[in-house]
Amino acid sequence: MTDRRLVKVESTDLDAVRLALAAARLPAEDFGEGIVFYRLDDEVGAIGWAALEQRGGDALLRSVLILESRRGLGAGRDMIERVAGAAGVQGIQRLWLLTESAAAFFARLGFTPAERASAPEEIRATSEFALICPVSATCMTMAIHGER
């Protein structure tokens, strides 16, 4: 297995994240305070990105992207496990996400479907929940503190 590392993306490097997300047709217009981006790297370079938007003891997992040329090698699983670990260190107890196309992938990693209305009010108030993702997107959740 390649030597992968999770790196917190500095604000000065967010333009590269925006470009990658836009190329993958993922939302890239609402980066703001409270959103922390991570990049998964290996010896070749960037493999992908993911972000956490923390709201109290919960966080929205968002903007998960593995470069197309790097898919199928376990990088997505590695990314989510590492980001969940970072979330646990920050005291986050539960992750939430919305997906239009990757529910089966996230289910394999321990996320379970949830009613969108069951998400905490602070999570539902994020721009991704309230404005960006359509109501048809699958809402999923996973406890990470004490259960991983």
N, C-alpha and C. Protein backbone atom coordinates (compact mmCIF):
# COMPACT_ATOMS: atom_id res chain seq x y z
N MET A 1 0.85 -1.20 0.00
CA MET A 1 0.00 0.00 0.00
C MET A 1 0.88 1.24 0.00
N THR A 2 0.43 2.25 -0.68
CA THR A 2 1.21 3.47 -0.76
C THR A 2 1.19 4.20 0.58
N ASP A 3 2.18 5.02 0.77
CA ASP A 3 2.28 5.82 1.99
C ASP A 3 1.42 7.06 1.82
N ARG A 4 0.25 7.04 2.43
CA ARG A 4 -0.68 8.17 2.32
C ARG A 4 -0.66 8.98 3.60
N ARG A 5 -0.94 10.28 3.46
CA ARG A 5 -1.00 11.16 4.63
C ARG A 5 -2.13 12.16 4.43
N LEU A 6 -2.77 12.49 5.55
CA LEU A 6 -3.84 13.49 5.53
C LEU A 6 -3.25 14.82 5.95
N VAL A 7 -3.51 15.84 5.15
CA VAL A 7 -2.95 17.17 5.38
C VAL A 7 -4.10 18.17 5.48
N LYS A 8 -4.07 19.01 6.49
CA LYS A 8 -5.05 20.09 6.58
C LYS A 8 -4.69 21.14 5.53
N VAL A 9 -5.68 21.52 4.73
CA VAL A 9 -5.46 22.49 3.65
C VAL A 9 -5.46 23.89 4.24
N GLU A 10 -4.42 24.63 3.95
CA GLU A 10 -4.33 26.02 4.41
C GLU A 10 -5.21 26.91 3.54
N SER A 11 -5.67 28.00 4.09
CA SER A 11 -6.57 28.89 3.35
C SER A 11 -5.94 29.39 2.06
N THR A 12 -4.63 29.49 2.02
CA THR A 12 -3.95 29.95 0.81
C THR A 12 -4.00 28.92 -0.31
N ASP A 13 -4.37 27.68 0.00
CA ASP A 13 -4.42 26.61 -1.00
C ASP A 13 -5.85 26.25 -1.43
N LEU A 14 -6.83 27.04 -0.98
CA LEU A 14 -8.22 26.70 -1.28
C LEU A 14 -8.59 26.86 -2.76
N ASP A 15 -7.84 27.68 -3.50
CA ASP A 15 -8.14 27.82 -4.93
C ASP A 15 -7.96 26.49 -5.66
N ALA A 16 -6.95 25.72 -5.28
CA ALA A 16 -6.74 24.40 -5.90
C ALA A 16 -7.91 23.47 -5.59
N VAL A 17 -8.42 23.55 -4.36
CA VAL A 17 -9.58 22.74 -3.97
C VAL A 17 -10.79 23.16 -4.80
N ARG A 18 -11.02 24.45 -4.93
CA ARG A 18 -12.16 24.95 -5.71
C ARG A 18 -12.10 24.44 -7.15
N LEU A 19 -10.91 24.49 -7.75
CA LEU A 19 -10.76 24.03 -9.13
C LEU A 19 -11.07 22.55 -9.26
N ALA A 20 -10.55 21.74 -8.34
CA ALA A 20 -10.79 20.29 -8.38
C ALA A 20 -12.27 19.98 -8.20
N LEU A 21 -12.92 20.65 -7.25
CA LEU A 21 -14.35 20.41 -7.02
C LEU A 21 -15.17 20.85 -8.22
N ALA A 22 -14.86 22.01 -8.78
CA ALA A 22 -15.59 22.50 -9.94
C ALA A 22 -15.43 21.55 -11.12
N ALA A 23 -14.23 21.02 -11.33
CA ALA A 23 -13.99 20.07 -12.42
C ALA A 23 -14.81 18.80 -12.24
N ALA A 24 -15.07 18.43 -10.98
CA ALA A 24 -15.86 17.23 -10.69
C ALA A 24 -17.35 17.56 -10.56
N ARG A 25 -17.71 18.80 -10.83
CA ARG A 25 -19.09 19.27 -10.74
C ARG A 25 -19.66 19.13 -9.34
N LEU A 26 -18.82 19.45 -8.35
CA LEU A 26 -19.24 19.47 -6.96
C LEU A 26 -19.28 20.92 -6.50
N PRO A 27 -20.15 21.24 -5.52
CA PRO A 27 -20.26 22.63 -5.05
C PRO A 27 -18.92 23.16 -4.53
N ALA A 28 -18.60 24.36 -4.96
CA ALA A 28 -17.34 24.98 -4.53
C ALA A 28 -17.51 26.45 -4.21
N GLU A 29 -18.77 26.91 -4.12
CA GLU A 29 -18.99 28.35 -3.99
C GLU A 29 -19.24 28.82 -2.56
N ASP A 30 -19.39 27.91 -1.62
CA ASP A 30 -19.82 28.36 -0.29
C ASP A 30 -18.79 28.09 0.81
N PHE A 31 -17.53 28.10 0.47
CA PHE A 31 -16.51 27.90 1.50
C PHE A 31 -16.58 29.07 2.47
N GLY A 32 -16.61 28.77 3.73
CA GLY A 32 -16.68 29.84 4.71
C GLY A 32 -16.11 29.41 6.03
N GLU A 33 -16.34 30.23 7.00
CA GLU A 33 -15.85 29.97 8.34
C GLU A 33 -16.46 28.68 8.87
N GLY A 34 -15.66 27.93 9.56
CA GLY A 34 -16.14 26.68 10.14
C GLY A 34 -15.95 25.47 9.25
N ILE A 35 -15.47 25.67 8.02
CA ILE A 35 -15.21 24.56 7.11
C ILE A 35 -13.71 24.33 7.05
N VAL A 36 -13.31 23.10 7.38
CA VAL A 36 -11.90 22.73 7.35
C VAL A 36 -11.71 21.69 6.26
N PHE A 37 -10.83 21.98 5.32
CA PHE A 37 -10.54 21.06 4.23
C PHE A 37 -9.31 20.23 4.54
N TYR A 38 -9.37 18.98 4.10
CA TYR A 38 -8.24 18.05 4.21
C TYR A 38 -7.92 17.53 2.82
N ARG A 39 -6.63 17.24 2.63
CA ARG A 39 -6.17 16.66 1.36
C ARG A 39 -5.46 15.34 1.69
N LEU A 40 -5.75 14.33 0.92
CA LEU A 40 -5.05 13.06 1.05
C LEU A 40 -3.96 13.04 -0.01
N ASP A 41 -2.72 12.86 0.43
CA ASP A 41 -1.56 12.85 -0.46
C ASP A 41 -0.87 11.49 -0.40
N ASP A 42 -0.12 11.20 -1.45
CA ASP A 42 0.83 10.10 -1.41
C ASP A 42 2.12 10.59 -2.05
N GLU A 43 3.02 9.69 -2.36
CA GLU A 43 4.32 10.11 -2.90
C GLU A 43 4.20 10.77 -4.27
N VAL A 44 3.08 10.56 -4.97
CA VAL A 44 2.88 11.15 -6.28
C VAL A 44 2.28 12.56 -6.17
N GLY A 45 1.46 12.78 -5.15
CA GLY A 45 0.82 14.08 -4.97
C GLY A 45 -0.58 13.93 -4.41
N ALA A 46 -1.43 14.90 -4.70
CA ALA A 46 -2.79 14.90 -4.17
C ALA A 46 -3.60 13.76 -4.77
N ILE A 47 -4.35 13.08 -3.88
CA ILE A 47 -5.24 12.01 -4.29
C ILE A 47 -6.68 12.50 -4.25
N GLY A 48 -7.00 13.31 -3.22
CA GLY A 48 -8.36 13.79 -3.07
C GLY A 48 -8.50 14.75 -1.91
N TRP A 49 -9.74 15.19 -1.72
CA TRP A 49 -10.06 16.18 -0.70
C TRP A 49 -11.37 15.81 0.00
N ALA A 50 -11.53 16.32 1.19
CA ALA A 50 -12.79 16.23 1.94
C ALA A 50 -12.80 17.37 2.94
N ALA A 51 -13.99 17.74 3.38
CA ALA A 51 -14.11 18.84 4.34
C ALA A 51 -15.05 18.47 5.47
N LEU A 52 -14.82 19.10 6.60
CA LEU A 52 -15.70 19.00 7.75
C LEU A 52 -16.22 20.39 8.07
N GLU A 53 -17.53 20.48 8.22
CA GLU A 53 -18.16 21.73 8.65
C GLU A 53 -18.74 21.45 10.03
N GLN A 54 -17.99 21.83 11.05
CA GLN A 54 -18.37 21.47 12.43
C GLN A 54 -19.42 22.41 12.98
N ARG A 55 -20.39 21.80 13.64
CA ARG A 55 -21.45 22.52 14.34
C ARG A 55 -21.66 21.81 15.67
N GLY A 56 -21.01 22.30 16.71
CA GLY A 56 -21.07 21.66 18.02
C GLY A 56 -20.44 20.29 17.97
N GLY A 57 -21.14 19.28 18.48
CA GLY A 57 -20.62 17.92 18.49
C GLY A 57 -20.89 17.16 17.21
N ASP A 58 -21.49 17.82 16.23
CA ASP A 58 -21.77 17.20 14.94
C ASP A 58 -20.97 17.93 13.86
N ALA A 59 -20.79 17.25 12.74
CA ALA A 59 -20.14 17.88 11.60
C ALA A 59 -20.73 17.34 10.31
N LEU A 60 -20.76 18.20 9.32
CA LEU A 60 -21.17 17.82 7.99
C LEU A 60 -19.91 17.43 7.22
N LEU A 61 -19.87 16.19 6.75
CA LEU A 61 -18.80 15.74 5.87
C LEU A 61 -19.20 16.14 4.47
N ARG A 62 -18.35 16.88 3.81
CA ARG A 62 -18.73 17.44 2.51
C ARG A 62 -17.54 17.52 1.57
N SER A 63 -17.86 17.75 0.33
CA SER A 63 -16.83 17.97 -0.69
C SER A 63 -15.83 16.83 -0.77
N VAL A 64 -16.33 15.59 -0.65
CA VAL A 64 -15.45 14.43 -0.74
C VAL A 64 -15.18 14.16 -2.22
N LEU A 65 -13.92 14.16 -2.58
CA LEU A 65 -13.52 13.96 -3.97
C LEU A 65 -12.21 13.19 -4.02
N ILE A 66 -12.22 12.09 -4.74
CA ILE A 66 -11.00 11.37 -5.08
C ILE A 66 -10.80 11.56 -6.58
N LEU A 67 -9.60 11.96 -6.96
CA LEU A 67 -9.33 12.17 -8.38
C LEU A 67 -9.67 10.90 -9.17
N GLU A 68 -10.29 11.07 -10.31
CA GLU A 68 -10.76 9.93 -11.09
C GLU A 68 -9.64 8.93 -11.37
N SER A 69 -8.46 9.43 -11.67
CA SER A 69 -7.33 8.55 -11.99
C SER A 69 -6.82 7.77 -10.79
N ARG A 70 -7.28 8.13 -9.58
CA ARG A 70 -6.80 7.48 -8.36
C ARG A 70 -7.88 6.63 -7.68
N ARG A 71 -9.01 6.49 -8.32
CA ARG A 71 -10.12 5.72 -7.74
C ARG A 71 -9.89 4.22 -7.89
N GLY A 72 -10.55 3.47 -7.02
CA GLY A 72 -10.48 2.02 -7.10
C GLY A 72 -9.30 1.41 -6.37
N LEU A 73 -8.56 2.23 -5.64
CA LEU A 73 -7.36 1.74 -4.94
C LEU A 73 -7.47 1.90 -3.42
N GLY A 74 -8.68 2.11 -2.93
CA GLY A 74 -8.87 2.23 -1.49
C GLY A 74 -8.66 3.63 -0.94
N ALA A 75 -8.42 4.60 -1.81
CA ALA A 75 -8.14 5.96 -1.34
C ALA A 75 -9.38 6.59 -0.72
N GLY A 76 -10.56 6.31 -1.25
CA GLY A 76 -11.79 6.88 -0.69
C GLY A 76 -12.01 6.40 0.73
N ARG A 77 -11.89 5.11 0.95
CA ARG A 77 -12.02 4.54 2.29
C ARG A 77 -10.97 5.15 3.22
N ASP A 78 -9.75 5.21 2.74
CA ASP A 78 -8.66 5.76 3.55
C ASP A 78 -8.95 7.21 3.93
N MET A 79 -9.42 8.00 2.96
CA MET A 79 -9.75 9.41 3.20
C MET A 79 -10.81 9.53 4.29
N ILE A 80 -11.90 8.80 4.14
CA ILE A 80 -13.01 8.92 5.10
C ILE A 80 -12.57 8.46 6.48
N GLU A 81 -11.84 7.37 6.58
CA GLU A 81 -11.37 6.90 7.88
C GLU A 81 -10.45 7.91 8.55
N ARG A 82 -9.57 8.52 7.78
CA ARG A 82 -8.64 9.51 8.34
C ARG A 82 -9.36 10.80 8.76
N VAL A 83 -10.31 11.24 7.93
CA VAL A 83 -11.07 12.46 8.27
C VAL A 83 -11.94 12.19 9.50
N ALA A 84 -12.55 11.01 9.57
CA ALA A 84 -13.35 10.67 10.76
C ALA A 84 -12.45 10.64 12.00
N GLY A 85 -11.25 10.13 11.87
CA GLY A 85 -10.31 10.15 12.99
C GLY A 85 -9.97 11.57 13.43
N ALA A 86 -9.73 12.44 12.45
CA ALA A 86 -9.45 13.85 12.76
C ALA A 86 -10.66 14.49 13.44
N ALA A 87 -11.85 14.14 12.99
CA ALA A 87 -13.07 14.67 13.60
C ALA A 87 -13.18 14.24 15.06
N GLY A 88 -12.89 12.97 15.32
CA GLY A 88 -12.93 12.47 16.69
C GLY A 88 -11.98 13.20 17.60
N VAL A 89 -10.79 13.52 17.10
CA VAL A 89 -9.81 14.28 17.88
C VAL A 89 -10.34 15.66 18.21
N GLN A 90 -11.16 16.23 17.32
CA GLN A 90 -11.75 17.56 17.53
C GLN A 90 -12.98 17.51 18.42
N GLY A 91 -13.36 16.32 18.88
CA GLY A 91 -14.52 16.20 19.76
C GLY A 91 -15.84 16.02 19.04
N ILE A 92 -15.78 15.84 17.74
CA ILE A 92 -17.00 15.61 16.97
C ILE A 92 -17.48 14.19 17.26
N GLN A 93 -18.78 14.07 17.52
CA GLN A 93 -19.34 12.77 17.87
C GLN A 93 -20.13 12.13 16.75
N ARG A 94 -20.61 12.93 15.80
CA ARG A 94 -21.43 12.37 14.73
C ARG A 94 -21.18 13.14 13.43
N LEU A 95 -21.04 12.38 12.34
CA LEU A 95 -20.91 12.96 11.01
C LEU A 95 -22.24 12.82 10.27
N TRP A 96 -22.51 13.81 9.46
CA TRP A 96 -23.68 13.83 8.59
C TRP A 96 -23.19 14.10 7.18
N LEU A 97 -23.92 13.63 6.19
CA LEU A 97 -23.58 13.95 4.80
C LEU A 97 -24.82 13.86 3.94
N LEU A 98 -24.72 14.49 2.79
CA LEU A 98 -25.74 14.40 1.75
C LEU A 98 -25.03 13.91 0.50
N THR A 99 -25.63 12.96 -0.19
CA THR A 99 -25.03 12.47 -1.42
C THR A 99 -26.11 12.18 -2.46
N GLU A 100 -25.78 12.48 -3.69
CA GLU A 100 -26.69 12.17 -4.78
C GLU A 100 -26.29 10.90 -5.51
N SER A 101 -25.05 10.45 -5.30
CA SER A 101 -24.59 9.32 -6.12
C SER A 101 -23.73 8.29 -5.39
N ALA A 102 -23.40 8.52 -4.13
CA ALA A 102 -22.44 7.63 -3.47
C ALA A 102 -22.96 6.99 -2.18
N ALA A 103 -24.27 6.82 -2.06
CA ALA A 103 -24.84 6.25 -0.84
C ALA A 103 -24.29 4.85 -0.56
N ALA A 104 -24.15 4.03 -1.60
CA ALA A 104 -23.64 2.66 -1.39
C ALA A 104 -22.20 2.69 -0.88
N PHE A 105 -21.38 3.58 -1.40
CA PHE A 105 -20.00 3.72 -0.93
C PHE A 105 -19.97 4.08 0.54
N PHE A 106 -20.73 5.10 0.92
CA PHE A 106 -20.72 5.54 2.32
C PHE A 106 -21.32 4.48 3.24
N ALA A 107 -22.31 3.74 2.77
CA ALA A 107 -22.89 2.66 3.59
C ALA A 107 -21.83 1.60 3.90
N ARG A 108 -20.97 1.28 2.93
CA ARG A 108 -19.89 0.32 3.17
C ARG A 108 -18.91 0.80 4.23
N LEU A 109 -18.87 2.10 4.47
CA LEU A 109 -17.95 2.67 5.46
C LEU A 109 -18.61 2.88 6.82
N GLY A 110 -19.87 2.49 6.96
CA GLY A 110 -20.55 2.59 8.25
C GLY A 110 -21.59 3.67 8.38
N PHE A 111 -21.81 4.45 7.33
CA PHE A 111 -22.86 5.47 7.37
C PHE A 111 -24.21 4.78 7.16
N THR A 112 -25.23 5.30 7.81
CA THR A 112 -26.58 4.76 7.65
C THR A 112 -27.51 5.86 7.15
N PRO A 113 -28.50 5.50 6.36
CA PRO A 113 -29.47 6.50 5.89
C PRO A 113 -30.23 7.10 7.07
N ALA A 114 -30.55 8.37 6.95
CA ALA A 114 -31.29 9.09 8.00
C ALA A 114 -32.25 10.05 7.33
N GLU A 115 -33.34 10.31 8.00
CA GLU A 115 -34.25 11.35 7.52
C GLU A 115 -33.53 12.68 7.60
N ARG A 116 -33.64 13.46 6.58
CA ARG A 116 -32.98 14.77 6.56
C ARG A 116 -33.40 15.61 7.76
N ALA A 117 -34.66 15.52 8.14
CA ALA A 117 -35.18 16.29 9.27
C ALA A 117 -34.61 15.84 10.61
N SER A 118 -33.99 14.67 10.66
CA SER A 118 -33.42 14.19 11.92
C SER A 118 -32.05 14.79 12.22
N ALA A 119 -31.46 15.45 11.25
CA ALA A 119 -30.17 16.11 11.48
C ALA A 119 -30.37 17.28 12.44
N PRO A 120 -29.37 17.56 13.27
CA PRO A 120 -29.50 18.70 14.19
C PRO A 120 -29.75 20.00 13.42
N GLU A 121 -30.44 20.90 14.07
CA GLU A 121 -30.79 22.18 13.43
C GLU A 121 -29.56 22.89 12.87
N GLU A 122 -28.44 22.86 13.58
CA GLU A 122 -27.22 23.55 13.12
C GLU A 122 -26.71 22.94 11.82
N ILE A 123 -26.85 21.64 11.66
CA ILE A 123 -26.43 20.97 10.42
C ILE A 123 -27.41 21.31 9.31
N ARG A 124 -28.69 21.26 9.60
CA ARG A 124 -29.71 21.60 8.59
C ARG A 124 -29.59 23.05 8.12
N ALA A 125 -29.02 23.92 8.96
CA ALA A 125 -28.88 25.33 8.60
C ALA A 125 -27.66 25.61 7.71
N THR A 126 -26.79 24.62 7.50
CA THR A 126 -25.63 24.85 6.63
C THR A 126 -26.11 25.09 5.21
N SER A 127 -25.32 25.81 4.43
CA SER A 127 -25.74 26.11 3.06
C SER A 127 -25.89 24.85 2.23
N GLU A 128 -25.08 23.82 2.49
CA GLU A 128 -25.21 22.58 1.73
C GLU A 128 -26.57 21.94 1.97
N PHE A 129 -27.01 21.89 3.23
CA PHE A 129 -28.32 21.31 3.54
C PHE A 129 -29.45 22.21 3.07
N ALA A 130 -29.34 23.50 3.36
CA ALA A 130 -30.46 24.42 3.13
C ALA A 130 -30.59 24.89 1.69
N LEU A 131 -29.48 24.98 0.96
CA LEU A 131 -29.53 25.62 -0.35
C LEU A 131 -28.95 24.81 -1.51
N ILE A 132 -27.88 24.08 -1.27
CA ILE A 132 -27.12 23.51 -2.38
C ILE A 132 -27.61 22.13 -2.81
N CYS A 133 -27.71 21.21 -1.87
CA CYS A 133 -28.10 19.83 -2.22
C CYS A 133 -29.61 19.72 -2.34
N PRO A 134 -30.07 19.08 -3.40
CA PRO A 134 -31.52 18.95 -3.58
C PRO A 134 -32.13 18.04 -2.51
N VAL A 135 -33.42 18.18 -2.30
CA VAL A 135 -34.10 17.36 -1.30
C VAL A 135 -34.06 15.89 -1.66
N SER A 136 -33.76 15.57 -2.90
CA SER A 136 -33.65 14.18 -3.33
C SER A 136 -32.34 13.52 -2.89
N ALA A 137 -31.37 14.32 -2.43
CA ALA A 137 -30.09 13.76 -1.97
C ALA A 137 -30.32 12.88 -0.75
N THR A 138 -29.56 11.80 -0.68
CA THR A 138 -29.66 10.88 0.45
C THR A 138 -28.91 11.47 1.64
N CYS A 139 -29.57 11.53 2.77
CA CYS A 139 -28.95 11.98 4.02
C CYS A 139 -28.44 10.74 4.74
N MET A 140 -27.21 10.82 5.25
CA MET A 140 -26.62 9.70 5.96
C MET A 140 -25.89 10.21 7.19
N THR A 141 -25.70 9.33 8.16
CA THR A 141 -25.03 9.72 9.40
C THR A 141 -24.20 8.57 9.93
N MET A 142 -23.24 8.90 10.77
CA MET A 142 -22.39 7.90 11.42
C MET A 142 -21.86 8.46 12.72
N ALA A 143 -22.01 7.70 13.80
CA ALA A 143 -21.39 8.07 15.07
C ALA A 143 -19.90 7.79 14.97
N ILE A 144 -19.08 8.70 15.45
CA ILE A 144 -17.63 8.45 15.36
C ILE A 144 -16.95 8.43 16.72
N HIS A 145 -17.55 9.02 17.73
CA HIS A 145 -16.88 9.09 19.02
C HIS A 145 -17.33 7.92 19.88
N GLY A 146 -16.40 7.05 20.22
CA GLY A 146 -16.71 5.93 21.10
C GLY A 146 -17.28 4.72 20.38
N GLU A 147 -17.60 4.85 19.09
CA GLU A 147 -18.15 3.71 18.36
C GLU A 147 -17.28 3.28 17.21
N ARG A 148 -16.17 3.94 16.99
CA ARG A 148 -15.27 3.56 15.88
C ARG A 148 -14.09 2.83 16.42
